[in-house]
Amino acid sequence: MTARSDTTTDLALLGLLAVLWGASYTFIKIGVETIPPVTFIAARTLIAGGLLLAVLRWRGLAMPRDAATWRRFAFQACLNSVVPFTLIAAAERSVDAGLATILNSTSPIFTFLLTALITRHEPVTTRKLVGVGAGIIGICLIIGTEALGGLGHELWAQLAIVVATVSYAGAAIFGRGFKGLDPMLPAAGSMLCGAVILVPLSLVIDQPWTLTPSMASILALLGLSVFSTALAFVIYFRLIHTLGSVGTTSQAYLRVPIGVGIGAVFLGESLGPTAWLGMAFVVAGVAAMTIPVRKPVLAR
């Protein structure tokens, strides 16, 4: 296969990844209509973790056996699935999927802020600062109207998504510590640990055997778990090896219009003028954070 066809395949997979992750917010919106958030996310992590484990077995890879690595998987699970997945699912009971997509796409901005304040392993550039500023303005435009209007419930739901986004940022930084492992191992391990944490909580809080979920919610759960989680992770880690981490994170701004569009088509959602403006600032900010700067070619 030629380099051109390899690049075409990678770009097609990048677009597919943006669609899969953009669709996840609509899947969640439909799912939590009749399935409580904790049970919904417990099932998501259990199904996705099981599928990722099967892929690893098919690849001939074994999960680590030492307790120290599994403790790190458990901490990663809290940052990357237990806390953010549950907060987003709970928030989407009152927040549109499109708005959730926009707010949650700002994870590169919070990753940069946490990096600059705590780990300092990446340089602070003017372009990144401009991106951070644009992203923060976008968030304020989106949630500011609810704060001024006194719509407390929706405001808290939107802030929950922002907290989930900060948690994702922490997971991205902590995940750098798994460099010695095949990238799919911490993905599967953290999902399985997430299921171990959430399934007992689901049994106590929701008593899932008493629930009567709709077929639409069940199908949304399966779509989210199989396509937007397990398959998306497989594609994601393939692209990490081929496009690199910077190229792969470009899906963060690709999925914003995709997620908003899917919510509009399948849920009949629409954004107000302020939200559209906020989305423009968020997309510009995330793009500034993630699009690599081309180095000038020196003349010989």
C-alpha atoms as a PDB file:
ATOM      1  CA  MET A   1       0.000   0.000   0.000  1.00  0.00           C
ATOM      2  CA  THR A   2       1.334   3.433  -0.926  1.00  0.00           C
ATOM      3  CA  ALA A   3       1.959   6.270   1.524  1.00  0.00           C
ATOM      4  CA  ARG A   4      -0.851   8.280  -0.149  1.00  0.00           C
ATOM      5  CA  SER A   5      -3.391   5.472   0.369  1.00  0.00           C
ATOM      6  CA  ASP A   6      -2.214   5.054   3.975  1.00  0.00           C
ATOM      7  CA  THR A   7      -2.800   8.754   4.586  1.00  0.00           C
ATOM      8  CA  THR A   8      -6.221   8.580   2.933  1.00  0.00           C
ATOM      9  CA  THR A   9      -7.167   5.655   5.174  1.00  0.00           C
ATOM     10  CA  ASP A  10      -5.975   7.467   8.292  1.00  0.00           C
ATOM     11  CA  LEU A  11      -7.908  10.630   7.404  1.00  0.00           C
ATOM     12  CA  ALA A  12     -11.024   8.564   6.719  1.00  0.00           C
ATOM     13  CA  LEU A  13     -10.623   6.867  10.095  1.00  0.00           C
ATOM     14  CA  LEU A  14     -10.126  10.275  11.732  1.00  0.00           C
ATOM     15  CA  GLY A  15     -13.420  11.443  10.237  1.00  0.00           C
ATOM     16  CA  LEU A  16     -15.119   8.233  11.379  1.00  0.00           C
ATOM     17  CA  LEU A  17     -13.738   8.723  14.890  1.00  0.00           C
ATOM     18  CA  ALA A  18     -15.157  12.259  14.994  1.00  0.00           C
ATOM     19  CA  VAL A  19     -18.555  10.885  13.902  1.00  0.00           C
ATOM     20  CA  LEU A  20     -18.484   8.087  16.495  1.00  0.00           C
ATOM     21  CA  TRP A  21     -17.585  10.424  19.347  1.00  0.00           C
ATOM     22  CA  GLY A  22     -19.893  13.164  18.040  1.00  0.00           C
ATOM     23  CA  ALA A  23     -22.773  10.655  17.998  1.00  0.00           C
ATOM     24  CA  SER A  24     -22.087   9.558  21.580  1.00  0.00           C
ATOM     25  CA  TYR A  25     -23.916  12.589  23.002  1.00  0.00           C
ATOM     26  CA  THR A  26     -27.079  11.734  21.072  1.00  0.00           C
ATOM     27  CA  PHE A  27     -26.799   8.097  22.190  1.00  0.00           C
ATOM     28  CA  ILE A  28     -26.514   9.303  25.795  1.00  0.00           C
ATOM     29  CA  LYS A  29     -29.469  11.698  25.436  1.00  0.00           C
ATOM     30  CA  ILE A  30     -31.704   8.882  24.181  1.00  0.00           C
ATOM     31  CA  GLY A  31     -30.355   6.335  26.667  1.00  0.00           C
ATOM     32  CA  VAL A  32     -30.884   8.313  29.869  1.00  0.00           C
ATOM     33  CA  GLU A  33     -34.523   8.984  28.996  1.00  0.00           C
ATOM     34  CA  THR A  34     -35.446   5.620  30.572  1.00  0.00           C
ATOM     35  CA  ILE A  35     -32.162   4.331  32.066  1.00  0.00           C
ATOM     36  CA  PRO A  36     -30.712   6.163  35.116  1.00  0.00           C
ATOM     37  CA  PRO A  37     -27.231   7.639  34.520  1.00  0.00           C
ATOM     38  CA  VAL A  38     -25.269   5.400  36.920  1.00  0.00           C
ATOM     39  CA  THR A  39     -26.778   2.194  35.504  1.00  0.00           C
ATOM     40  CA  PHE A  40     -26.408   3.476  31.935  1.00  0.00           C
ATOM     41  CA  ILE A  41     -22.699   4.208  32.380  1.00  0.00           C
ATOM     42  CA  ALA A  42     -22.100   1.007  34.378  1.00  0.00           C
ATOM     43  CA  ALA A  43     -23.454  -0.967  31.434  1.00  0.00           C
ATOM     44  CA  ARG A  44     -21.437   1.157  28.990  1.00  0.00           C
ATOM     45  CA  THR A  45     -18.128   0.488  30.741  1.00  0.00           C
ATOM     46  CA  LEU A  46     -18.910  -3.220  31.234  1.00  0.00           C
ATOM     47  CA  ILE A  47     -19.846  -3.830  27.588  1.00  0.00           C
ATOM     48  CA  ALA A  48     -17.026  -1.700  26.165  1.00  0.00           C
ATOM     49  CA  GLY A  49     -14.450  -3.179  28.562  1.00  0.00           C
ATOM     50  CA  GLY A  50     -15.484  -6.704  27.616  1.00  0.00           C
ATOM     51  CA  LEU A  51     -15.225  -5.939  23.893  1.00  0.00           C
ATOM     52  CA  LEU A  52     -11.816  -4.273  24.264  1.00  0.00           C
ATOM     53  CA  LEU A  53     -10.604  -7.271  26.288  1.00  0.00           C
ATOM     54  CA  ALA A  54     -11.767  -9.571  23.464  1.00  0.00           C
ATOM     55  CA  VAL A  55      -9.854  -7.442  20.913  1.00  0.00           C
ATOM     56  CA  LEU A  56      -6.721  -7.693  23.061  1.00  0.00           C
ATOM     57  CA  ARG A  57      -7.080 -11.468  23.285  1.00  0.00           C
ATOM     58  CA  TRP A  58      -7.516 -11.589  19.495  1.00  0.00           C
ATOM     59  CA  ARG A  59      -4.295  -9.574  19.166  1.00  0.00           C
ATOM     60  CA  GLY A  60      -2.526 -12.027  21.492  1.00  0.00           C
ATOM     61  CA  LEU A  61      -1.967  -9.495  24.277  1.00  0.00           C
ATOM     62  CA  ALA A  62      -2.447 -10.295  27.962  1.00  0.00           C
ATOM     63  CA  MET A  63      -3.540  -7.838  30.639  1.00  0.00           C
ATOM     64  CA  PRO A  64      -0.940  -6.945  33.311  1.00  0.00           C
ATOM     65  CA  ARG A  65      -1.041  -9.006  36.496  1.00  0.00           C
ATOM     66  CA  ASP A  66       0.654  -6.720  39.025  1.00  0.00           C
ATOM     67  CA  ALA A  67      -1.443  -4.832  41.571  1.00  0.00           C
ATOM     68  CA  ALA A  68       0.385  -1.523  41.041  1.00  0.00           C
ATOM     69  CA  THR A  69      -0.643  -1.314  37.377  1.00  0.00           C
ATOM     70  CA  TRP A  70      -4.260  -2.153  38.207  1.00  0.00           C
ATOM     71  CA  ARG A  71      -4.305   0.593  40.855  1.00  0.00           C
ATOM     72  CA  ARG A  72      -3.212   3.012  38.135  1.00  0.00           C
ATOM     73  CA  PHE A  73      -5.931   1.615  35.846  1.00  0.00           C
ATOM     74  CA  ALA A  74      -8.487   2.231  38.614  1.00  0.00           C
ATOM     75  CA  PHE A  75      -7.353   5.839  39.078  1.00  0.00           C
ATOM     76  CA  GLN A  76      -7.428   6.366  35.311  1.00  0.00           C
ATOM     77  CA  ALA A  77     -10.947   4.898  35.289  1.00  0.00           C
ATOM     78  CA  CYS A  78     -12.117   7.495  37.810  1.00  0.00           C
ATOM     79  CA  LEU A  79     -10.659  10.327  35.709  1.00  0.00           C
ATOM     80  CA  ASN A  80     -11.574   9.020  32.261  1.00  0.00           C
ATOM     81  CA  SER A  81     -14.885   7.180  32.685  1.00  0.00           C
ATOM     82  CA  VAL A  82     -16.487   6.926  36.141  1.00  0.00           C
ATOM     83  CA  VAL A  83     -16.623  10.660  36.900  1.00  0.00           C
ATOM     84  CA  PRO A  84     -16.946  12.261  33.430  1.00  0.00           C
ATOM     85  CA  PHE A  85     -19.209   9.610  31.845  1.00  0.00           C
ATOM     86  CA  THR A  86     -21.621   9.768  34.787  1.00  0.00           C
ATOM     87  CA  LEU A  87     -21.628  13.573  35.012  1.00  0.00           C
ATOM     88  CA  ILE A  88     -22.329  13.932  31.288  1.00  0.00           C
ATOM     89  CA  ALA A  89     -25.073  11.297  31.377  1.00  0.00           C
ATOM     90  CA  ALA A  90     -26.734  13.000  34.353  1.00  0.00           C
ATOM     91  CA  ALA A  91     -26.395  16.433  32.732  1.00  0.00           C
ATOM     92  CA  GLU A  92     -27.937  15.310  29.460  1.00  0.00           C
ATOM     93  CA  ARG A  93     -31.227  14.696  31.214  1.00  0.00           C
ATOM     94  CA  SER A  94     -31.689  18.475  30.941  1.00  0.00           C
ATOM     95  CA  VAL A  95     -28.973  19.669  28.513  1.00  0.00           C
ATOM     96  CA  ASP A  96     -29.198  19.165  24.739  1.00  0.00           C
ATOM     97  CA  ALA A  97     -26.743  16.754  23.143  1.00  0.00           C
ATOM     98  CA  GLY A  98     -25.426  19.555  20.916  1.00  0.00           C
ATOM     99  CA  LEU A  99     -24.528  21.786  23.854  1.00  0.00           C
ATOM    100  CA  ALA A 100     -22.918  18.827  25.634  1.00  0.00           C
ATOM    101  CA  THR A 101     -20.798  18.222  22.521  1.00  0.00           C
ATOM    102  CA  ILE A 102     -19.586  21.829  22.441  1.00  0.00           C
ATOM    103  CA  LEU A 103     -18.789  22.070  26.155  1.00  0.00           C
ATOM    104  CA  ASN A 104     -17.062  18.687  26.270  1.00  0.00           C
ATOM    105  CA  SER A 105     -14.885  19.441  23.231  1.00  0.00           C
ATOM    106  CA  THR A 106     -12.850  21.918  25.276  1.00  0.00           C
ATOM    107  CA  SER A 107     -10.782  19.154  26.944  1.00  0.00           C
ATOM    108  CA  PRO A 108      -7.564  20.177  25.065  1.00  0.00           C
ATOM    109  CA  ILE A 109      -7.917  23.654  26.577  1.00  0.00           C
ATOM    110  CA  PHE A 110      -8.198  22.333  30.133  1.00  0.00           C
ATOM    111  CA  THR A 111      -5.406  19.836  29.441  1.00  0.00           C
ATOM    112  CA  PHE A 112      -3.169  22.766  28.515  1.00  0.00           C
ATOM    113  CA  LEU A 113      -4.185  24.756  31.614  1.00  0.00           C
ATOM    114  CA  LEU A 114      -3.494  21.819  33.947  1.00  0.00           C
ATOM    115  CA  THR A 115      -0.202  21.196  32.160  1.00  0.00           C
ATOM    116  CA  ALA A 116       0.857  24.840  32.486  1.00  0.00           C
ATOM    117  CA  LEU A 117      -0.111  24.995  36.159  1.00  0.00           C
ATOM    118  CA  ILE A 118       1.019  21.560  37.394  1.00  0.00           C
ATOM    119  CA  THR A 119       3.204  19.329  35.204  1.00  0.00           C
ATOM    120  CA  ARG A 120       4.716  21.987  32.891  1.00  0.00           C
ATOM    121  CA  HIS A 121       5.890  19.366  30.392  1.00  0.00           C
ATOM    122  CA  GLU A 122       4.804  21.417  27.362  1.00  0.00           C
ATOM    123  CA  PRO A 123       5.822  24.984  26.413  1.00  0.00           C
ATOM    124  CA  VAL A 124       3.385  27.878  26.813  1.00  0.00           C
ATOM    125  CA  THR A 125       3.058  29.646  23.459  1.00  0.00           C
ATOM    126  CA  THR A 126       1.135  32.735  22.371  1.00  0.00           C
ATOM    127  CA  ARG A 127      -0.972  30.637  20.012  1.00  0.00           C
ATOM    128  CA  LYS A 128      -2.005  28.288  22.815  1.00  0.00           C
ATOM    129  CA  LEU A 129      -2.853  31.198  25.096  1.00  0.00           C
ATOM    130  CA  VAL A 130      -5.045  32.694  22.360  1.00  0.00           C
ATOM    131  CA  GLY A 131      -6.729  29.290  21.965  1.00  0.00           C
ATOM    132  CA  VAL A 132      -7.364  29.062  25.700  1.00  0.00           C
ATOM    133  CA  GLY A 133      -8.836  32.569  25.732  1.00  0.00           C
ATOM    134  CA  ALA A 134     -11.142  31.805  22.788  1.00  0.00           C
ATOM    135  CA  GLY A 135     -12.310  28.562  24.375  1.00  0.00           C
ATOM    136  CA  ILE A 136     -13.073  30.191  27.721  1.00  0.00           C
ATOM    137  CA  ILE A 137     -15.000  32.992  25.975  1.00  0.00           C
ATOM    138  CA  GLY A 138     -17.004  30.316  24.134  1.00  0.00           C
ATOM    139  CA  ILE A 139     -17.869  28.516  27.380  1.00  0.00           C
ATOM    140  CA  CYS A 140     -18.945  31.781  29.001  1.00  0.00           C
ATOM    141  CA  LEU A 141     -21.137  32.650  26.017  1.00  0.00           C
ATOM    142  CA  ILE A 142     -22.848  29.250  26.195  1.00  0.00           C
ATOM    143  CA  ILE A 143     -23.501  28.996  29.936  1.00  0.00           C
ATOM    144  CA  GLY A 144     -23.575  32.706  30.736  1.00  0.00           C
ATOM    145  CA  THR A 145     -27.129  33.226  29.497  1.00  0.00           C
ATOM    146  CA  GLU A 146     -28.442  30.526  31.811  1.00  0.00           C
ATOM    147  CA  ALA A 147     -26.597  32.078  34.761  1.00  0.00           C
ATOM    148  CA  LEU A 148     -28.054  35.531  34.042  1.00  0.00           C
ATOM    149  CA  GLY A 149     -31.513  34.109  33.451  1.00  0.00           C
ATOM    150  CA  GLY A 150     -31.545  32.219  36.733  1.00  0.00           C
ATOM    151  CA  LEU A 151     -32.164  28.835  35.132  1.00  0.00           C
ATOM    152  CA  GLY A 152     -30.301  27.101  37.930  1.00  0.00           C
ATOM    153  CA  HIS A 153     -30.975  23.473  37.072  1.00  0.00           C
ATOM    154  CA  GLU A 154     -29.685  23.710  33.518  1.00  0.00           C
ATOM    155  CA  LEU A 155     -26.764  25.858  34.651  1.00  0.00           C
ATOM    156  CA  TRP A 156     -25.630  23.194  37.109  1.00  0.00           C
ATOM    157  CA  ALA A 157     -25.995  20.524  34.431  1.00  0.00           C
ATOM    158  CA  GLN A 158     -23.814  22.550  32.063  1.00  0.00           C
ATOM    159  CA  LEU A 159     -21.237  23.137  34.790  1.00  0.00           C
ATOM    160  CA  ALA A 160     -21.230  19.368  35.421  1.00  0.00           C
ATOM    161  CA  ILE A 161     -20.170  18.862  31.793  1.00  0.00           C
ATOM    162  CA  VAL A 162     -17.379  21.407  32.273  1.00  0.00           C
ATOM    163  CA  VAL A 163     -16.228  19.493  35.399  1.00  0.00           C
ATOM    164  CA  ALA A 164     -16.317  16.275  33.342  1.00  0.00           C
ATOM    165  CA  THR A 165     -14.163  17.984  30.723  1.00  0.00           C
ATOM    166  CA  VAL A 166     -11.608  18.973  33.371  1.00  0.00           C
ATOM    167  CA  SER A 167     -11.607  15.328  34.511  1.00  0.00           C
ATOM    168  CA  TYR A 168     -10.871  14.219  30.931  1.00  0.00           C
ATOM    169  CA  ALA A 169      -7.983  16.699  30.882  1.00  0.00           C
ATOM    170  CA  GLY A 170      -6.566  15.165  34.050  1.00  0.00           C
ATOM    171  CA  ALA A 171      -6.931  11.709  32.504  1.00  0.00           C
ATOM    172  CA  ALA A 172      -4.972  12.822  29.422  1.00  0.00           C
ATOM    173  CA  ILE A 173      -2.096  14.000  31.619  1.00  0.00           C
ATOM    174  CA  PHE A 174      -2.139  10.965  33.939  1.00  0.00           C
ATOM    175  CA  GLY A 175      -2.389   8.664  30.915  1.00  0.00           C
ATOM    176  CA  ARG A 176       1.081   9.743  29.809  1.00  0.00           C
ATOM    177  CA  GLY A 177       2.384   7.419  32.526  1.00  0.00           C
ATOM    178  CA  PHE A 178       1.279   4.335  30.545  1.00  0.00           C
ATOM    179  CA  LYS A 179       3.876   4.853  27.794  1.00  0.00           C
ATOM    180  CA  GLY A 180       5.485   1.471  28.413  1.00  0.00           C
ATOM    181  CA  LEU A 181       2.237  -0.394  27.682  1.00  0.00           C
ATOM    182  CA  ASP A 182       0.358  -1.056  24.465  1.00  0.00           C
ATOM    183  CA  PRO A 183      -2.183   1.826  24.428  1.00  0.00           C
ATOM    184  CA  MET A 184      -5.179  -0.525  24.329  1.00  0.00           C
ATOM    185  CA  LEU A 185      -4.200  -2.114  27.664  1.00  0.00           C
ATOM    186  CA  PRO A 186      -4.964   0.954  29.825  1.00  0.00           C
ATOM    187  CA  ALA A 187      -8.093   1.576  27.732  1.00  0.00           C
ATOM    188  CA  ALA A 188      -9.449  -1.909  28.465  1.00  0.00           C
ATOM    189  CA  GLY A 189      -8.143  -1.919  32.038  1.00  0.00           C
ATOM    190  CA  SER A 190      -9.690   1.428  32.904  1.00  0.00           C
ATOM    191  CA  MET A 191     -13.044   0.431  31.387  1.00  0.00           C
ATOM    192  CA  LEU A 192     -13.104  -2.807  33.361  1.00  0.00           C
ATOM    193  CA  CYS A 193     -12.147  -0.977  36.554  1.00  0.00           C
ATOM    194  CA  GLY A 194     -14.886   1.538  35.822  1.00  0.00           C
ATOM    195  CA  ALA A 195     -17.381  -1.306  35.576  1.00  0.00           C
ATOM    196  CA  VAL A 196     -16.150  -2.759  38.890  1.00  0.00           C
ATOM    197  CA  ILE A 197     -16.782   0.621  40.548  1.00  0.00           C
ATOM    198  CA  LEU A 198     -20.080   1.468  38.877  1.00  0.00           C
ATOM    199  CA  VAL A 199     -21.924  -1.872  38.738  1.00  0.00           C
ATOM    200  CA  PRO A 200     -22.210  -2.190  42.558  1.00  0.00           C
ATOM    201  CA  LEU A 201     -23.297   1.473  42.751  1.00  0.00           C
ATOM    202  CA  SER A 202     -25.931   0.760  40.121  1.00  0.00           C
ATOM    203  CA  LEU A 203     -27.242  -2.221  42.068  1.00  0.00           C
ATOM    204  CA  VAL A 204     -27.575  -0.145  45.254  1.00  0.00           C
ATOM    205  CA  ILE A 205     -28.786   3.164  43.796  1.00  0.00           C
ATOM    206  CA  ASP A 206     -30.962   2.183  40.838  1.00  0.00           C
ATOM    207  CA  GLN A 207     -31.886  -1.466  41.439  1.00  0.00           C
ATOM    208  CA  PRO A 208     -31.746  -2.072  37.670  1.00  0.00           C
ATOM    209  CA  TRP A 209     -33.902  -5.208  37.853  1.00  0.00           C
ATOM    210  CA  THR A 210     -36.855  -2.889  38.609  1.00  0.00           C
ATOM    211  CA  LEU A 211     -36.297  -0.703  35.534  1.00  0.00           C
ATOM    212  CA  THR A 212     -38.303  -0.883  32.314  1.00  0.00           C
ATOM    213  CA  PRO A 213     -36.067   0.787  29.713  1.00  0.00           C
ATOM    214  CA  SER A 214     -37.443   1.551  26.274  1.00  0.00           C
ATOM    215  CA  MET A 215     -36.106  -0.224  23.196  1.00  0.00           C
ATOM    216  CA  ALA A 216     -34.714   3.120  21.989  1.00  0.00           C
ATOM    217  CA  SER A 217     -32.673   3.498  25.202  1.00  0.00           C
ATOM    218  CA  ILE A 218     -31.384  -0.081  24.982  1.00  0.00           C
ATOM    219  CA  LEU A 219     -30.323   0.390  21.353  1.00  0.00           C
ATOM    220  CA  ALA A 220     -28.688   3.708  22.276  1.00  0.00           C
ATOM    221  CA  LEU A 221     -26.749   1.963  25.054  1.00  0.00           C
ATOM    222  CA  LEU A 222     -25.550  -0.732  22.651  1.00  0.00           C
ATOM    223  CA  GLY A 223     -24.621   1.857  20.015  1.00  0.00           C
ATOM    224  CA  LEU A 224     -22.726   3.921  22.573  1.00  0.00           C
ATOM    225  CA  SER A 225     -20.893   0.917  24.040  1.00  0.00           C
ATOM    226  CA  VAL A 226     -20.050  -0.942  20.827  1.00  0.00           C
ATOM    227  CA  PHE A 227     -19.453   1.888  18.351  1.00  0.00           C
ATOM    228  CA  SER A 228     -18.767   5.126  20.260  1.00  0.00           C
ATOM    229  CA  THR A 229     -16.643   3.465  22.957  1.00  0.00           C
ATOM    230  CA  ALA A 230     -15.086   0.097  21.998  1.00  0.00           C
ATOM    231  CA  LEU A 231     -14.739   0.651  18.218  1.00  0.00           C
ATOM    232  CA  ALA A 232     -13.789   4.300  18.753  1.00  0.00           C
ATOM    233  CA  PHE A 233     -10.974   3.287  21.116  1.00  0.00           C
ATOM    234  CA  VAL A 234      -9.635   0.757  18.595  1.00  0.00           C
ATOM    235  CA  ILE A 235      -9.574   3.454  15.890  1.00  0.00           C
ATOM    236  CA  TYR A 236      -8.162   6.025  18.300  1.00  0.00           C
ATOM    237  CA  PHE A 237      -5.166   3.902  19.260  1.00  0.00           C
ATOM    238  CA  ARG A 238      -4.524   2.919  15.633  1.00  0.00           C
ATOM    239  CA  LEU A 239      -4.365   6.653  14.778  1.00  0.00           C
ATOM    240  CA  ILE A 240      -2.123   7.411  17.767  1.00  0.00           C
ATOM    241  CA  HIS A 241       0.464   5.121  16.142  1.00  0.00           C
ATOM    242  CA  THR A 242      -0.002   6.475  12.589  1.00  0.00           C
ATOM    243  CA  LEU A 243      -0.997  10.155  12.851  1.00  0.00           C
ATOM    244  CA  GLY A 244       0.495  10.772  16.295  1.00  0.00           C
ATOM    245  CA  SER A 245      -1.183  12.285  19.330  1.00  0.00           C
ATOM    246  CA  VAL A 246      -1.404  15.829  17.916  1.00  0.00           C
ATOM    247  CA  GLY A 247      -2.973  14.737  14.637  1.00  0.00           C
ATOM    248  CA  THR A 248      -5.420  12.453  16.406  1.00  0.00           C
ATOM    249  CA  THR A 249      -6.609  15.157  18.804  1.00  0.00           C
ATOM    250  CA  SER A 250      -7.788  17.192  15.821  1.00  0.00           C
ATOM    251  CA  GLN A 251     -11.030  15.211  16.039  1.00  0.00           C
ATOM    252  CA  ALA A 252     -11.810  17.391  19.081  1.00  0.00           C
ATOM    253  CA  TYR A 253     -12.894  20.259  16.852  1.00  0.00           C
ATOM    254  CA  LEU A 254     -14.156  18.065  14.002  1.00  0.00           C
ATOM    255  CA  ARG A 255     -16.689  16.419  16.318  1.00  0.00           C
ATOM    256  CA  VAL A 256     -18.267  19.725  17.418  1.00  0.00           C
ATOM    257  CA  PRO A 257     -20.241  20.477  14.213  1.00  0.00           C
ATOM    258  CA  ILE A 258     -20.788  16.740  13.709  1.00  0.00           C
ATOM    259  CA  GLY A 259     -22.219  16.276  17.209  1.00  0.00           C
ATOM    260  CA  VAL A 260     -24.407  19.373  16.899  1.00  0.00           C
ATOM    261  CA  GLY A 261     -25.618  18.223  13.469  1.00  0.00           C
ATOM    262  CA  ILE A 262     -26.489  14.719  14.691  1.00  0.00           C
ATOM    263  CA  GLY A 263     -28.444  16.216  17.600  1.00  0.00           C
ATOM    264  CA  ALA A 264     -30.315  18.490  15.190  1.00  0.00           C
ATOM    265  CA  VAL A 265     -31.188  15.687  12.742  1.00  0.00           C
ATOM    266  CA  PHE A 266     -32.172  12.939  15.182  1.00  0.00           C
ATOM    267  CA  LEU A 267     -33.375  14.918  18.218  1.00  0.00           C
ATOM    268  CA  GLY A 268     -34.682  18.069  16.568  1.00  0.00           C
ATOM    269  CA  GLU A 269     -32.341  20.260  18.637  1.00  0.00           C
ATOM    270  CA  SER A 270     -31.397  23.797  17.698  1.00  0.00           C
ATOM    271  CA  LEU A 271     -28.876  26.275  19.067  1.00  0.00           C
ATOM    272  CA  GLY A 272     -29.659  29.847  20.001  1.00  0.00           C
ATOM    273  CA  PRO A 273     -27.604  32.734  18.571  1.00  0.00           C
ATOM    274  CA  THR A 274     -25.391  32.936  21.672  1.00  0.00           C
ATOM    275  CA  ALA A 275     -24.673  29.191  21.562  1.00  0.00           C
ATOM    276  CA  TRP A 276     -23.715  29.411  17.865  1.00  0.00           C
ATOM    277  CA  LEU A 277     -21.300  32.213  18.665  1.00  0.00           C
ATOM    278  CA  GLY A 278     -19.954  30.238  21.618  1.00  0.00           C
ATOM    279  CA  MET A 279     -19.449  27.207  19.370  1.00  0.00           C
ATOM    280  CA  ALA A 280     -17.444  29.320  16.916  1.00  0.00           C
ATOM    281  CA  PHE A 281     -15.137  30.491  19.712  1.00  0.00           C
ATOM    282  CA  VAL A 282     -14.754  26.941  21.085  1.00  0.00           C
ATOM    283  CA  VAL A 283     -13.925  25.454  17.666  1.00  0.00           C
ATOM    284  CA  ALA A 284     -11.403  28.245  17.002  1.00  0.00           C
ATOM    285  CA  GLY A 285      -9.830  27.785  20.434  1.00  0.00           C
ATOM    286  CA  VAL A 286      -9.535  24.002  20.197  1.00  0.00           C
ATOM    287  CA  ALA A 287      -8.185  24.252  16.641  1.00  0.00           C
ATOM    288  CA  ALA A 288      -5.527  26.701  17.801  1.00  0.00           C
ATOM    289  CA  MET A 289      -4.586  24.261  20.551  1.00  0.00           C
ATOM    290  CA  THR A 290      -4.396  21.129  18.405  1.00  0.00           C
ATOM    291  CA  ILE A 291      -3.498  21.974  14.795  1.00  0.00           C
ATOM    292  CA  PRO A 292       0.268  21.591  14.479  1.00  0.00           C
ATOM    293  CA  VAL A 293       2.312  24.582  13.352  1.00  0.00           C
ATOM    294  CA  ARG A 294       4.147  23.943  10.106  1.00  0.00           C
ATOM    295  CA  LYS A 295       7.844  24.608  10.439  1.00  0.00           C
ATOM    296  CA  PRO A 296       9.260  26.763   7.650  1.00  0.00           C
ATOM    297  CA  VAL A 297      11.483  24.963   5.172  1.00  0.00           C
ATOM    298  CA  LEU A 298      14.925  26.564   5.104  1.00  0.00           C
ATOM    299  CA  ALA A 299      16.331  27.292   1.662  1.00  0.00           C
ATOM    300  CA  ARG A 300      19.600  25.642   0.863  1.00  0.00           C
END
